[in-house]
Protein backbone atom coordinates (compact mmCIF):
# COMPACT_ATOMS: atom_id res chain seq x y z
CA MET A 1 4.46 16.37 -16.73
CA ALA A 2 7.67 14.37 -16.26
CA PHE A 3 8.61 16.60 -13.33
CA LEU A 4 5.31 15.97 -11.57
CA ARG A 5 5.57 12.23 -12.24
CA THR A 6 9.05 12.16 -10.71
CA ILE A 7 7.92 14.07 -7.63
CA LEU A 8 4.93 11.76 -7.18
CA ASN A 9 7.12 8.67 -7.59
CA PHE A 10 9.42 9.90 -4.82
CA PHE A 11 6.39 10.76 -2.68
CA VAL A 12 4.95 7.27 -3.03
CA ALA A 13 8.32 5.59 -2.50
CA GLY A 14 8.89 7.63 0.66
CA ALA A 15 5.44 6.76 1.94
CA LEU A 16 6.03 3.06 1.35
CA LEU A 17 9.43 3.18 3.04
CA GLY A 18 7.88 5.00 5.98
CA VAL A 19 5.17 2.35 6.33
CA LEU A 20 7.82 -0.36 6.14
CA ALA A 21 9.94 1.29 8.83
CA VAL A 22 6.98 1.74 11.17
CA THR A 23 5.80 -1.80 10.52
CA LEU A 24 9.21 -3.17 11.51
CA ALA A 25 9.73 -0.93 14.56
CA TYR A 26 6.20 -0.64 15.98
CA PRO A 27 5.82 -4.09 17.61
CA ARG A 28 9.06 -3.79 19.61
CA PHE A 29 8.21 -0.28 20.72
CA ARG A 30 4.70 -1.23 21.86
CA VAL A 31 6.02 -4.21 23.84
CA TRP A 32 8.53 -1.96 25.59
CA TYR A 33 5.97 0.80 26.15
CA ASN A 34 3.27 -1.51 27.54
CA THR A 35 5.49 -3.57 29.84
CA PRO A 36 4.44 -2.56 33.36
CA ALA A 37 6.96 -1.81 36.11
CA THR A 38 4.92 -3.84 38.58
CA LYS A 39 3.21 -7.22 38.24
CA ALA A 40 0.13 -7.00 36.01
CA LEU A 41 -2.90 -9.28 35.86
CA CYS A 42 -2.11 -10.31 32.29
CA ASP A 43 0.99 -10.82 30.20
CA CYS A 44 0.85 -7.36 28.66
CA ALA A 45 3.99 -7.80 26.58
CA GLU A 46 2.66 -10.96 24.90
CA THR A 47 -0.78 -9.41 24.34
CA THR A 48 0.79 -6.35 22.77
CA ARG A 49 3.03 -8.47 20.54
CA GLN A 50 0.05 -10.50 19.31
CA THR A 51 -1.96 -7.35 18.65
CA ALA A 52 0.89 -5.77 16.71
CA GLU A 53 1.37 -8.95 14.65
CA ALA A 54 -2.34 -8.97 13.84
CA LEU A 55 -2.09 -5.33 12.74
CA ILE A 56 0.88 -6.07 10.50
CA ASN A 57 -0.86 -9.08 8.93
CA ALA A 58 -3.90 -6.94 8.21
CA GLN A 59 -1.72 -4.21 6.68
CA MET A 60 0.04 -6.69 4.42
CA THR A 61 -3.21 -8.32 3.33
CA GLY A 62 -4.74 -4.93 2.57
CA CYS A 63 -1.63 -3.89 0.66
CA ALA A 64 -1.70 -7.06 -1.46
CA VAL A 65 -5.43 -6.81 -2.19
CA GLY A 66 -5.14 -3.11 -3.02
CA ALA A 67 -2.19 -3.70 -5.33
CA GLY A 68 -4.04 -6.51 -7.11
CA LEU A 69 -7.20 -4.45 -7.57
CA GLY A 70 -5.17 -1.44 -8.69
CA GLY A 71 -3.35 -3.58 -11.25
CA LEU A 72 -6.60 -4.98 -12.60
CA GLY A 73 -8.09 -1.48 -12.74
CA GLY A 74 -5.03 -0.22 -14.60
CA LEU A 75 -5.25 -3.06 -17.10
CA ALA A 76 -8.94 -2.36 -17.65
CA PHE A 77 -8.28 1.35 -18.11
CA LEU A 78 -5.50 0.73 -20.62
CA SER A 79 -7.53 -1.82 -22.59
CA MET A 80 -10.52 0.57 -22.82
CA ARG A 81 -8.20 3.36 -23.91
CA ARG A 82 -6.61 1.14 -26.57
CA LYS A 83 -10.06 0.10 -27.93
CA LYS A 84 -11.10 3.75 -28.29
CA ALA A 85 -7.94 4.53 -30.28
CA VAL A 86 -8.46 1.52 -32.60
CA ALA A 87 -12.23 2.03 -32.99
CA SER A 88 -11.93 5.48 -34.59
CA PRO A 89 -13.20 5.38 -38.22
CA PRO A 90 -10.65 5.77 -41.00
CA ALA A 91 -10.43 9.13 -42.70
CA ALA A 92 -12.11 9.50 -46.10
CA PRO A 93 -9.68 9.65 -49.01
CA ALA A 94 -9.12 13.10 -50.51
CA LYS A 95 -10.53 13.72 -54.01
């Protein structure tokens, strides 16, 4: 069980680091990628930057809400588990 827990911890940590790296690099890449070689009708670089910032803000809000709900769910699970362990009736004394 400890082996699986360690593997899963590394899996989750790698996923979070990957999301962090993409979140930091994505806006600059999209600005560069969407900048036209000729004159465009809109300011594509600014529009792309604003869109990427909105995406990042949404990701961070979702991450915070998910972490909060997960923490509350974990606390509820642990408290229900603790009540079941305490609620078991005492064993009858041997005669």
